[in-house]
């Protein structure tokens, strides 16, 4: 069982930046592909970014490409989401997720159904 705890959310003006962190209860290097998802009020959960367990592959939703960067520090059991040039439409609860993968798996995963563990989420609010 992997427990995930997000932090770093808050209120920011449009154009500003935030960095979200996702701390895992065990070594993230234990073959866990990681992802960030978000859910805005009244909308479905949507994919934001994903990273393979070794960090060699990354994937982003079109809406955040060029503005968000996902990274991981397996020595600290933490995954990050650097969010720059935030827009009001980025307002949502952001959650990280972990998926158990095999040693040779270098893929990223974009569907929430593919993930095994979830954090509680952190609120990001972008004012115009």
C-alpha atoms as a PDB file:
ATOM      1  CA  UNK A   1       0.000   0.000   0.000  1.00  0.00           C
ATOM      2  CA  UNK A   2       1.405   3.366  -1.041  1.00  0.00           C
ATOM      3  CA  UNK A   3       0.179   6.493   0.708  1.00  0.00           C
ATOM      4  CA  UNK A   4       0.475   9.750  -1.190  1.00  0.00           C
ATOM      5  CA  UNK A   5       0.256  13.237   0.303  1.00  0.00           C
ATOM      6  CA  UNK A   6       0.060  16.341  -1.878  1.00  0.00           C
ATOM      7  CA  UNK A   7       1.102  19.825  -0.836  1.00  0.00           C
ATOM      8  CA  UNK A   8       1.855  23.193  -2.376  1.00  0.00           C
ATOM      9  CA  UNK A   9      -1.569  24.261  -3.522  1.00  0.00           C
ATOM     10  CA  UNK A  10      -2.983  27.694  -2.852  1.00  0.00           C
ATOM     11  CA  UNK A  11      -4.345  30.899  -4.302  1.00  0.00           C
ATOM     12  CA  UNK A  12      -2.354  32.642  -7.008  1.00  0.00           C
ATOM     13  CA  UNK A  13      -3.012  35.335  -9.574  1.00  0.00           C
ATOM     14  CA  UNK A  14      -3.129  34.543 -13.258  1.00  0.00           C
ATOM     15  CA  UNK A  15       0.391  34.416 -14.648  1.00  0.00           C
ATOM     16  CA  UNK A  16       1.806  33.222 -11.371  1.00  0.00           C
ATOM     17  CA  UNK A  17       3.492  29.956 -10.427  1.00  0.00           C
ATOM     18  CA  UNK A  18       3.082  27.150  -7.934  1.00  0.00           C
ATOM     19  CA  UNK A  19       4.974  23.952  -7.291  1.00  0.00           C
ATOM     20  CA  UNK A  20       3.030  20.959  -6.101  1.00  0.00           C
ATOM     21  CA  UNK A  21       4.692  18.107  -4.255  1.00  0.00           C
ATOM     22  CA  UNK A  22       3.544  14.529  -3.802  1.00  0.00           C
ATOM     23  CA  UNK A  23       5.278  12.661  -1.006  1.00  0.00           C
ATOM     24  CA  UNK A  24       5.053   8.878  -0.991  1.00  0.00           C
ATOM     25  CA  UNK A  25       5.096   6.617   2.058  1.00  0.00           C
ATOM     26  CA  UNK A  26       7.536   4.266   0.409  1.00  0.00           C
ATOM     27  CA  UNK A  27      10.296   4.515  -2.115  1.00  0.00           C
ATOM     28  CA  UNK A  28       8.832   5.951  -5.305  1.00  0.00           C
ATOM     29  CA  UNK A  29      11.609   4.136  -7.105  1.00  0.00           C
ATOM     30  CA  UNK A  30       9.787   0.908  -6.276  1.00  0.00           C
ATOM     31  CA  UNK A  31       8.569   0.714  -9.860  1.00  0.00           C
ATOM     32  CA  UNK A  32       5.888   3.372  -9.529  1.00  0.00           C
ATOM     33  CA  UNK A  33       4.901   5.350 -12.578  1.00  0.00           C
ATOM     34  CA  UNK A  34       3.386   8.587 -11.324  1.00  0.00           C
ATOM     35  CA  UNK A  35       0.775  10.983 -12.584  1.00  0.00           C
ATOM     36  CA  UNK A  36      -0.998  14.224 -11.763  1.00  0.00           C
ATOM     37  CA  UNK A  37      -4.683  14.689 -12.389  1.00  0.00           C
ATOM     38  CA  UNK A  38      -7.108  17.499 -11.629  1.00  0.00           C
ATOM     39  CA  UNK A  39     -10.802  17.961 -11.142  1.00  0.00           C
ATOM     40  CA  UNK A  40     -12.517  21.294 -11.528  1.00  0.00           C
ATOM     41  CA  UNK A  41     -15.956  21.925 -10.005  1.00  0.00           C
ATOM     42  CA  UNK A  42     -18.646  20.231 -12.058  1.00  0.00           C
ATOM     43  CA  UNK A  43     -16.150  18.535 -14.358  1.00  0.00           C
ATOM     44  CA  UNK A  44     -14.657  15.104 -14.761  1.00  0.00           C
ATOM     45  CA  UNK A  45     -11.203  14.268 -13.484  1.00  0.00           C
ATOM     46  CA  UNK A  46      -8.655  14.988 -16.205  1.00  0.00           C
ATOM     47  CA  UNK A  47      -5.088  14.005 -16.891  1.00  0.00           C
ATOM     48  CA  UNK A  48      -2.440  16.679 -16.375  1.00  0.00           C
ATOM     49  CA  UNK A  49       1.008  15.063 -16.489  1.00  0.00           C
ATOM     50  CA  UNK A  50       2.738  11.715 -16.047  1.00  0.00           C
ATOM     51  CA  UNK A  51       6.257  10.431 -15.569  1.00  0.00           C
ATOM     52  CA  UNK A  52       7.756   6.955 -15.880  1.00  0.00           C
ATOM     53  CA  UNK A  53       9.244   5.283 -12.838  1.00  0.00           C
ATOM     54  CA  UNK A  54      12.800   6.099 -13.815  1.00  0.00           C
ATOM     55  CA  UNK A  55      11.846   9.581 -14.978  1.00  0.00           C
ATOM     56  CA  UNK A  56      12.970   9.099 -18.552  1.00  0.00           C
ATOM     57  CA  UNK A  57       9.543   9.554 -20.105  1.00  0.00           C
ATOM     58  CA  UNK A  58       7.087  12.383 -19.527  1.00  0.00           C
ATOM     59  CA  UNK A  59       3.682  13.158 -20.925  1.00  0.00           C
ATOM     60  CA  UNK A  60       1.476  16.234 -20.677  1.00  0.00           C
ATOM     61  CA  UNK A  61      -2.052  17.236 -21.474  1.00  0.00           C
ATOM     62  CA  UNK A  62      -2.172  19.657 -24.391  1.00  0.00           C
ATOM     63  CA  UNK A  63      -3.686  22.319 -22.138  1.00  0.00           C
ATOM     64  CA  UNK A  64      -0.583  22.457 -19.925  1.00  0.00           C
ATOM     65  CA  UNK A  65       2.248  21.782 -22.377  1.00  0.00           C
ATOM     66  CA  UNK A  66       4.919  24.436 -22.167  1.00  0.00           C
ATOM     67  CA  UNK A  67       3.623  25.681 -18.819  1.00  0.00           C
ATOM     68  CA  UNK A  68       3.796  22.671 -16.463  1.00  0.00           C
ATOM     69  CA  UNK A  69       6.736  20.378 -15.742  1.00  0.00           C
ATOM     70  CA  UNK A  70       6.570  17.046 -13.936  1.00  0.00           C
ATOM     71  CA  UNK A  71       9.665  15.696 -12.222  1.00  0.00           C
ATOM     72  CA  UNK A  72      10.594  13.182  -9.563  1.00  0.00           C
ATOM     73  CA  UNK A  73      13.268  12.726  -6.947  1.00  0.00           C
ATOM     74  CA  UNK A  74      13.272   9.059  -6.025  1.00  0.00           C
ATOM     75  CA  UNK A  75      15.847   9.662  -3.303  1.00  0.00           C
ATOM     76  CA  UNK A  76      13.237  11.861  -1.584  1.00  0.00           C
ATOM     77  CA  UNK A  77      10.249   9.709  -2.550  1.00  0.00           C
ATOM     78  CA  UNK A  78       8.657  12.800  -4.050  1.00  0.00           C
ATOM     79  CA  UNK A  79       7.113  13.825  -7.344  1.00  0.00           C
ATOM     80  CA  UNK A  80       6.698  17.464  -8.307  1.00  0.00           C
ATOM     81  CA  UNK A  81       4.507  19.492 -10.620  1.00  0.00           C
ATOM     82  CA  UNK A  82       5.935  22.903 -11.441  1.00  0.00           C
ATOM     83  CA  UNK A  83       3.139  25.094 -12.765  1.00  0.00           C
ATOM     84  CA  UNK A  84       4.022  28.362 -14.491  1.00  0.00           C
ATOM     85  CA  UNK A  85       1.916  30.986 -16.235  1.00  0.00           C
ATOM     86  CA  UNK A  86      -1.180  29.752 -14.445  1.00  0.00           C
ATOM     87  CA  UNK A  87      -4.574  30.521 -15.928  1.00  0.00           C
ATOM     88  CA  UNK A  88      -7.976  30.756 -14.235  1.00  0.00           C
ATOM     89  CA  UNK A  89      -8.991  27.560 -16.036  1.00  0.00           C
ATOM     90  CA  UNK A  90      -6.246  25.719 -14.145  1.00  0.00           C
ATOM     91  CA  UNK A  91      -8.322  26.095 -10.984  1.00  0.00           C
ATOM     92  CA  UNK A  92      -9.011  22.601  -9.646  1.00  0.00           C
ATOM     93  CA  UNK A  93      -8.155  20.034  -7.013  1.00  0.00           C
ATOM     94  CA  UNK A  94      -4.888  18.420  -8.071  1.00  0.00           C
ATOM     95  CA  UNK A  95      -4.190  14.822  -7.102  1.00  0.00           C
ATOM     96  CA  UNK A  96      -1.181  12.619  -7.620  1.00  0.00           C
ATOM     97  CA  UNK A  97      -1.406   8.922  -8.354  1.00  0.00           C
ATOM     98  CA  UNK A  98       0.939   5.934  -8.431  1.00  0.00           C
ATOM     99  CA  UNK A  99       0.881   2.871 -10.650  1.00  0.00           C
ATOM    100  CA  UNK A 100       2.876  -0.269  -9.982  1.00  0.00           C
ATOM    101  CA  UNK A 101       4.915  -1.199 -13.041  1.00  0.00           C
ATOM    102  CA  UNK A 102       7.584  -3.723 -13.935  1.00  0.00           C
ATOM    103  CA  UNK A 103      11.291  -3.023 -13.908  1.00  0.00           C
ATOM    104  CA  UNK A 104      11.462  -2.599 -17.677  1.00  0.00           C
ATOM    105  CA  UNK A 105       8.389  -0.410 -17.969  1.00  0.00           C
ATOM    106  CA  UNK A 106       9.344   3.024 -19.292  1.00  0.00           C
ATOM    107  CA  UNK A 107       5.810   4.117 -20.105  1.00  0.00           C
ATOM    108  CA  UNK A 108       3.675   6.943 -18.862  1.00  0.00           C
ATOM    109  CA  UNK A 109      -0.025   6.474 -18.140  1.00  0.00           C
ATOM    110  CA  UNK A 110      -2.760   8.987 -18.827  1.00  0.00           C
ATOM    111  CA  UNK A 111      -5.952   7.230 -17.720  1.00  0.00           C
ATOM    112  CA  UNK A 112      -6.950   7.475 -14.063  1.00  0.00           C
ATOM    113  CA  UNK A 113      -8.239   3.892 -14.298  1.00  0.00           C
ATOM    114  CA  UNK A 114      -4.688   2.670 -14.741  1.00  0.00           C
ATOM    115  CA  UNK A 115      -3.485   3.929 -11.364  1.00  0.00           C
ATOM    116  CA  UNK A 116      -3.426   1.948  -8.142  1.00  0.00           C
ATOM    117  CA  UNK A 117      -3.024   4.604  -5.432  1.00  0.00           C
ATOM    118  CA  UNK A 118      -4.255   8.163  -4.999  1.00  0.00           C
ATOM    119  CA  UNK A 119      -3.606  11.104  -2.745  1.00  0.00           C
ATOM    120  CA  UNK A 120      -6.345  13.279  -1.246  1.00  0.00           C
ATOM    121  CA  UNK A 121      -5.577  16.255  -3.424  1.00  0.00           C
ATOM    122  CA  UNK A 122      -4.584  19.882  -2.992  1.00  0.00           C
ATOM    123  CA  UNK A 123      -6.616  22.883  -4.082  1.00  0.00           C
ATOM    124  CA  UNK A 124      -5.206  25.271  -6.672  1.00  0.00           C
ATOM    125  CA  UNK A 125      -7.128  28.484  -7.280  1.00  0.00           C
ATOM    126  CA  UNK A 126      -6.067  30.956  -9.941  1.00  0.00           C
ATOM    127  CA  UNK A 127      -7.661  34.379  -9.835  1.00  0.00           C
ATOM    128  CA  UNK A 128      -8.043  36.551 -12.908  1.00  0.00           C
END
